[in-house]
């Protein structure tokens, strides 16, 4: 049996309206509720934008049944460890499966790059460098024992709070046990 998912984009709606829509999705037969990861509303023709993981934390509290996800996290907006801990936190807070869609981000000349420029977030160039950051996040997830469900376009990691789950403490313990990378001398 297939299910449909819903993605919310803040647009011109305030939190009360987004919460109302989220509750309707939760009460319906939808499989997952997804949010987007952008730093500014104008990139999505919106008046405002919510930070993805803060928004997901609110959704974890507001909803009860529907799985949660972010489509897609720009691998350059956060450090790899911050991304993984945030994802594990949402899975733990919600008590449900969490889907982490992961992307390489925009090119320096794309209209979407405007939000990175406005926040002084570096944009790697060429594309291979952006893809390398995605690999860096996925490699760290592998070292932390995060369960994998690879999908085509985009790559996805799925956290579940059931058997074999990766909790926040599991990710943090794994990160703490990693040998630090030697710092490059300047």
Foldseek 3Di string as FASTA:
>chain_A
DDFAEEEDWCAAHDPVVVLVVLQVCLPDRHAAYEYEAADAQVLVNGPGGDHRLVVLLVSLVSHQHHEYEYDAHALQVDPLLVVVLSQLASQVSNQAKYKYFYDLDDACPDPSVVRCVVVVRDRDDDSVVSVVSVVVSVVLCVQLQQDADADPDTGMGMAHPDPSGQHSVSSVVSVVPDDDDDDDDD
